[in-house]
Amino acid sequence: MRLTGEFQRRPPGSRRAYTLVEAVMAIGVAAIIFTALFAGFFSGFAMIQVNRENLRAGQILLEKTEMIRLYNWDQINNGWCGNSYTSTNAAVPASFIARYYEGASDGGLYYTGTVTIANAPITESYASDLRLVTVQLNWTSRKVPRTRSMTTYVSHYGLQNYIY
């Protein structure tokens, strides 16, 4: 029987193998691929974490804004002195702290928030019956300071009159 092509027997000293240059090039290409893969995973997980923090910040802002919308006019104006707002006797707290995850026993990430109540920037006749409320959140994520805010108007004859 006669073998041809790849199945043909070779003399004992002529074995096929990869050269050193081919092996080093393969290792280099594999190192570049693994580095890019790990960098992609790392940036992807970091992006997911920032998006989770932003989502939680949006939930906190919405919660605080909706609570403020349900306060009656006297509660909103308790602490109102002319054109400024003081938090000493106010029903609406001027600052607050919220957690990223409420069940965390180690503290975790904290959001610090402020509530600002000001005159509405309008000139209509009902301007004295309208307040501009801004809720702002600040937190630090991976040594980067971040901030989000939400603004709403509260009216003397607004939504809270229909709830209570």
C-alpha atoms as a PDB file:
ATOM      1  CA  MET A   1       0.000   0.000   0.000  1.00  0.00           C
ATOM      2  CA  ARG A   2       1.276   3.409  -0.957  1.00  0.00           C
ATOM      3  CA  LEU A   3       0.336   6.587   1.020  1.00  0.00           C
ATOM      4  CA  THR A   4       0.208   9.959  -0.670  1.00  0.00           C
ATOM      5  CA  GLY A   5      -0.205  13.558   0.437  1.00  0.00           C
ATOM      6  CA  GLU A   6      -0.554  14.286   4.148  1.00  0.00           C
ATOM      7  CA  PHE A   7      -0.656  10.667   5.151  1.00  0.00           C
ATOM      8  CA  GLN A   8       2.669   9.919   3.583  1.00  0.00           C
ATOM      9  CA  ARG A   9       5.381   8.872   6.016  1.00  0.00           C
ATOM     10  CA  ARG A  10       8.188  11.292   6.568  1.00  0.00           C
ATOM     11  CA  PRO A  11      11.711  10.499   7.483  1.00  0.00           C
ATOM     12  CA  PRO A  12      12.333  10.585  11.273  1.00  0.00           C
ATOM     13  CA  GLY A  13      14.307  13.897  11.283  1.00  0.00           C
ATOM     14  CA  SER A  14      11.788  16.013   9.316  1.00  0.00           C
ATOM     15  CA  ARG A  15       8.938  16.679  11.767  1.00  0.00           C
ATOM     16  CA  ARG A  16       6.651  19.668  11.290  1.00  0.00           C
ATOM     17  CA  ALA A  17       6.456  22.243  14.116  1.00  0.00           C
ATOM     18  CA  TYR A  18       5.813  25.915  14.772  1.00  0.00           C
ATOM     19  CA  THR A  19       8.758  28.219  14.717  1.00  0.00           C
ATOM     20  CA  LEU A  20       9.607  30.467  17.644  1.00  0.00           C
ATOM     21  CA  VAL A  21       8.462  33.555  15.729  1.00  0.00           C
ATOM     22  CA  GLU A  22       5.052  32.004  15.036  1.00  0.00           C
ATOM     23  CA  ALA A  23       4.612  31.043  18.703  1.00  0.00           C
ATOM     24  CA  VAL A  24       5.570  34.541  19.946  1.00  0.00           C
ATOM     25  CA  MET A  25       3.185  36.167  17.441  1.00  0.00           C
ATOM     26  CA  ALA A  26       0.331  33.884  18.545  1.00  0.00           C
ATOM     27  CA  ILE A  27       0.964  34.712  22.207  1.00  0.00           C
ATOM     28  CA  GLY A  28       1.055  38.447  21.375  1.00  0.00           C
ATOM     29  CA  VAL A  29      -2.234  38.308  19.471  1.00  0.00           C
ATOM     30  CA  ALA A  30      -3.858  36.317  22.293  1.00  0.00           C
ATOM     31  CA  ALA A  31      -2.595  38.862  24.860  1.00  0.00           C
ATOM     32  CA  ILE A  32      -4.074  41.755  22.868  1.00  0.00           C
ATOM     33  CA  ILE A  33      -7.408  39.945  22.511  1.00  0.00           C
ATOM     34  CA  PHE A  34      -7.606  39.106  26.243  1.00  0.00           C
ATOM     35  CA  THR A  35      -6.639  42.665  27.225  1.00  0.00           C
ATOM     36  CA  ALA A  36      -9.353  44.095  24.996  1.00  0.00           C
ATOM     37  CA  LEU A  37     -11.861  41.573  26.325  1.00  0.00           C
ATOM     38  CA  PHE A  38     -11.137  42.395  29.978  1.00  0.00           C
ATOM     39  CA  ALA A  39     -11.169  46.152  29.285  1.00  0.00           C
ATOM     40  CA  GLY A  40     -14.548  45.755  27.599  1.00  0.00           C
ATOM     41  CA  PHE A  41     -15.936  43.821  30.554  1.00  0.00           C
ATOM     42  CA  PHE A  42     -14.575  46.347  33.042  1.00  0.00           C
ATOM     43  CA  SER A  43     -15.997  49.378  31.219  1.00  0.00           C
ATOM     44  CA  GLY A  44     -19.294  47.579  30.653  1.00  0.00           C
ATOM     45  CA  PHE A  45     -19.714  46.763  34.349  1.00  0.00           C
ATOM     46  CA  ALA A  46     -18.721  50.329  35.302  1.00  0.00           C
ATOM     47  CA  MET A  47     -21.310  51.711  32.889  1.00  0.00           C
ATOM     48  CA  ILE A  48     -23.984  49.423  34.324  1.00  0.00           C
ATOM     49  CA  GLN A  49     -23.146  50.610  37.856  1.00  0.00           C
ATOM     50  CA  VAL A  50     -23.371  54.298  36.869  1.00  0.00           C
ATOM     51  CA  ASN A  51     -26.702  53.647  35.153  1.00  0.00           C
ATOM     52  CA  ARG A  52     -28.004  51.892  38.276  1.00  0.00           C
ATOM     53  CA  GLU A  53     -26.955  54.845  40.419  1.00  0.00           C
ATOM     54  CA  ASN A  54     -28.641  57.271  38.010  1.00  0.00           C
ATOM     55  CA  LEU A  55     -31.807  55.172  38.056  1.00  0.00           C
ATOM     56  CA  ARG A  56     -31.860  55.141  41.858  1.00  0.00           C
ATOM     57  CA  ALA A  57     -31.268  58.908  41.883  1.00  0.00           C
ATOM     58  CA  GLY A  58     -34.253  59.345  39.567  1.00  0.00           C
ATOM     59  CA  GLN A  59     -36.385  57.227  41.888  1.00  0.00           C
ATOM     60  CA  ILE A  60     -35.381  59.292  44.926  1.00  0.00           C
ATOM     61  CA  LEU A  61     -36.001  62.564  43.083  1.00  0.00           C
ATOM     62  CA  LEU A  62     -39.425  61.412  41.935  1.00  0.00           C
ATOM     63  CA  GLU A  63     -40.328  60.204  45.421  1.00  0.00           C
ATOM     64  CA  LYS A  64     -39.367  63.514  47.059  1.00  0.00           C
ATOM     65  CA  THR A  65     -41.016  65.599  44.342  1.00  0.00           C
ATOM     66  CA  GLU A  66     -44.283  63.683  44.542  1.00  0.00           C
ATOM     67  CA  MET A  67     -44.288  63.972  48.330  1.00  0.00           C
ATOM     68  CA  ILE A  68     -43.803  67.732  48.057  1.00  0.00           C
ATOM     69  CA  ARG A  69     -46.625  67.989  45.526  1.00  0.00           C
ATOM     70  CA  LEU A  70     -48.981  66.487  48.097  1.00  0.00           C
ATOM     71  CA  TYR A  71     -48.145  68.949  50.872  1.00  0.00           C
ATOM     72  CA  ASN A  72     -50.783  71.602  51.390  1.00  0.00           C
ATOM     73  CA  TRP A  73     -50.052  75.278  50.827  1.00  0.00           C
ATOM     74  CA  ASP A  74     -49.492  76.015  54.524  1.00  0.00           C
ATOM     75  CA  GLN A  75     -46.937  73.207  54.827  1.00  0.00           C
ATOM     76  CA  ILE A  76     -45.065  74.506  51.771  1.00  0.00           C
ATOM     77  CA  ASN A  77     -45.058  78.073  53.091  1.00  0.00           C
ATOM     78  CA  ASN A  78     -44.224  77.197  56.709  1.00  0.00           C
ATOM     79  CA  GLY A  79     -40.750  78.712  56.870  1.00  0.00           C
ATOM     80  CA  TRP A  80     -41.388  81.146  54.042  1.00  0.00           C
ATOM     81  CA  CYS A  81     -40.185  84.643  54.904  1.00  0.00           C
ATOM     82  CA  GLY A  82     -40.875  87.093  52.097  1.00  0.00           C
ATOM     83  CA  ASN A  83     -38.674  85.968  49.223  1.00  0.00           C
ATOM     84  CA  SER A  84     -36.564  83.403  51.052  1.00  0.00           C
ATOM     85  CA  TYR A  85     -37.116  79.985  52.522  1.00  0.00           C
ATOM     86  CA  THR A  86     -35.775  78.905  55.900  1.00  0.00           C
ATOM     87  CA  SER A  87     -35.807  75.319  57.066  1.00  0.00           C
ATOM     88  CA  THR A  88     -36.052  75.994  60.804  1.00  0.00           C
ATOM     89  CA  ASN A  89     -39.809  75.503  61.193  1.00  0.00           C
ATOM     90  CA  ALA A  90     -40.616  74.089  57.796  1.00  0.00           C
ATOM     91  CA  ALA A  91     -42.637  70.937  57.164  1.00  0.00           C
ATOM     92  CA  VAL A  92     -40.527  70.391  54.062  1.00  0.00           C
ATOM     93  CA  PRO A  93     -36.958  69.479  55.079  1.00  0.00           C
ATOM     94  CA  ALA A  94     -34.268  71.578  53.391  1.00  0.00           C
ATOM     95  CA  SER A  95     -31.867  68.611  53.241  1.00  0.00           C
ATOM     96  CA  PHE A  96     -32.045  64.832  53.434  1.00  0.00           C
ATOM     97  CA  ILE A  97     -29.940  61.705  53.019  1.00  0.00           C
ATOM     98  CA  ALA A  98     -30.998  58.606  51.064  1.00  0.00           C
ATOM     99  CA  ARG A  99     -29.213  55.301  50.536  1.00  0.00           C
ATOM    100  CA  TYR A 100     -28.512  53.586  47.251  1.00  0.00           C
ATOM    101  CA  TYR A 101     -29.678  50.309  48.756  1.00  0.00           C
ATOM    102  CA  GLU A 102     -31.893  50.580  51.832  1.00  0.00           C
ATOM    103  CA  GLY A 103     -31.012  47.110  53.118  1.00  0.00           C
ATOM    104  CA  ALA A 104     -27.256  47.699  53.202  1.00  0.00           C
ATOM    105  CA  SER A 105     -25.843  47.173  56.686  1.00  0.00           C
ATOM    106  CA  ASP A 106     -22.410  48.585  55.783  1.00  0.00           C
ATOM    107  CA  GLY A 107     -23.820  51.952  54.728  1.00  0.00           C
ATOM    108  CA  GLY A 108     -23.067  51.703  51.054  1.00  0.00           C
ATOM    109  CA  LEU A 109     -23.569  54.633  48.717  1.00  0.00           C
ATOM    110  CA  TYR A 110     -25.354  57.693  50.105  1.00  0.00           C
ATOM    111  CA  TYR A 111     -27.181  60.408  48.225  1.00  0.00           C
ATOM    112  CA  THR A 112     -27.338  63.825  49.883  1.00  0.00           C
ATOM    113  CA  GLY A 113     -30.252  65.954  48.792  1.00  0.00           C
ATOM    114  CA  THR A 114     -31.462  69.507  49.141  1.00  0.00           C
ATOM    115  CA  VAL A 115     -34.882  71.031  48.652  1.00  0.00           C
ATOM    116  CA  THR A 116     -35.103  74.632  47.491  1.00  0.00           C
ATOM    117  CA  ILE A 117     -38.377  76.556  47.435  1.00  0.00           C
ATOM    118  CA  ALA A 118     -38.455  79.903  45.639  1.00  0.00           C
ATOM    119  CA  ASN A 119     -40.921  82.283  44.060  1.00  0.00           C
ATOM    120  CA  ALA A 120     -42.019  81.158  40.634  1.00  0.00           C
ATOM    121  CA  PRO A 121     -40.226  83.122  37.915  1.00  0.00           C
ATOM    122  CA  ILE A 122     -43.407  84.440  36.320  1.00  0.00           C
ATOM    123  CA  THR A 123     -45.085  87.842  36.208  1.00  0.00           C
ATOM    124  CA  GLU A 124     -48.733  86.812  35.912  1.00  0.00           C
ATOM    125  CA  SER A 125     -51.308  87.810  38.502  1.00  0.00           C
ATOM    126  CA  TYR A 126     -51.222  84.384  40.196  1.00  0.00           C
ATOM    127  CA  ALA A 127     -47.436  84.505  40.786  1.00  0.00           C
ATOM    128  CA  SER A 128     -47.947  84.863  44.557  1.00  0.00           C
ATOM    129  CA  ASP A 129     -49.896  81.552  44.549  1.00  0.00           C
ATOM    130  CA  LEU A 130     -47.095  79.585  42.897  1.00  0.00           C
ATOM    131  CA  ARG A 131     -43.756  78.266  44.204  1.00  0.00           C
ATOM    132  CA  LEU A 132     -40.834  76.757  42.314  1.00  0.00           C
ATOM    133  CA  VAL A 133     -39.514  73.660  44.113  1.00  0.00           C
ATOM    134  CA  THR A 134     -36.158  72.148  43.152  1.00  0.00           C
ATOM    135  CA  VAL A 135     -34.927  68.838  44.578  1.00  0.00           C
ATOM    136  CA  GLN A 136     -31.230  68.190  43.994  1.00  0.00           C
ATOM    137  CA  LEU A 137     -29.170  65.052  44.701  1.00  0.00           C
ATOM    138  CA  ASN A 138     -25.391  64.798  45.016  1.00  0.00           C
ATOM    139  CA  TRP A 139     -23.271  61.675  45.367  1.00  0.00           C
ATOM    140  CA  THR A 140     -19.774  60.441  44.595  1.00  0.00           C
ATOM    141  CA  SER A 141     -19.260  57.385  42.444  1.00  0.00           C
ATOM    142  CA  ARG A 142     -15.762  56.050  41.773  1.00  0.00           C
ATOM    143  CA  LYS A 143     -14.273  59.357  42.961  1.00  0.00           C
ATOM    144  CA  VAL A 144     -16.402  61.304  40.470  1.00  0.00           C
ATOM    145  CA  PRO A 145     -18.935  63.770  41.935  1.00  0.00           C
ATOM    146  CA  ARG A 146     -22.362  63.409  40.344  1.00  0.00           C
ATOM    147  CA  THR A 147     -25.519  65.469  40.618  1.00  0.00           C
ATOM    148  CA  ARG A 148     -29.121  65.255  39.419  1.00  0.00           C
ATOM    149  CA  SER A 149     -32.066  67.556  40.032  1.00  0.00           C
ATOM    150  CA  MET A 150     -35.798  67.764  39.434  1.00  0.00           C
ATOM    151  CA  THR A 151     -37.953  70.898  39.427  1.00  0.00           C
ATOM    152  CA  THR A 152     -41.695  71.314  39.851  1.00  0.00           C
ATOM    153  CA  TYR A 153     -44.234  73.990  40.621  1.00  0.00           C
ATOM    154  CA  VAL A 154     -46.582  73.914  43.604  1.00  0.00           C
ATOM    155  CA  SER A 155     -49.766  75.934  43.411  1.00  0.00           C
ATOM    156  CA  HIS A 156     -51.940  77.280  46.202  1.00  0.00           C
ATOM    157  CA  TYR A 157     -54.970  75.688  44.524  1.00  0.00           C
ATOM    158  CA  GLY A 158     -53.204  72.640  43.156  1.00  0.00           C
ATOM    159  CA  LEU A 159     -53.323  68.862  43.398  1.00  0.00           C
ATOM    160  CA  GLN A 160     -53.194  68.693  47.189  1.00  0.00           C
ATOM    161  CA  ASN A 161     -56.707  70.214  47.405  1.00  0.00           C
ATOM    162  CA  TYR A 162     -58.150  67.206  45.564  1.00  0.00           C
ATOM    163  CA  ILE A 163     -56.412  64.561  47.654  1.00  0.00           C
ATOM    164  CA  TYR A 164     -57.367  65.661  51.186  1.00  0.00           C
END
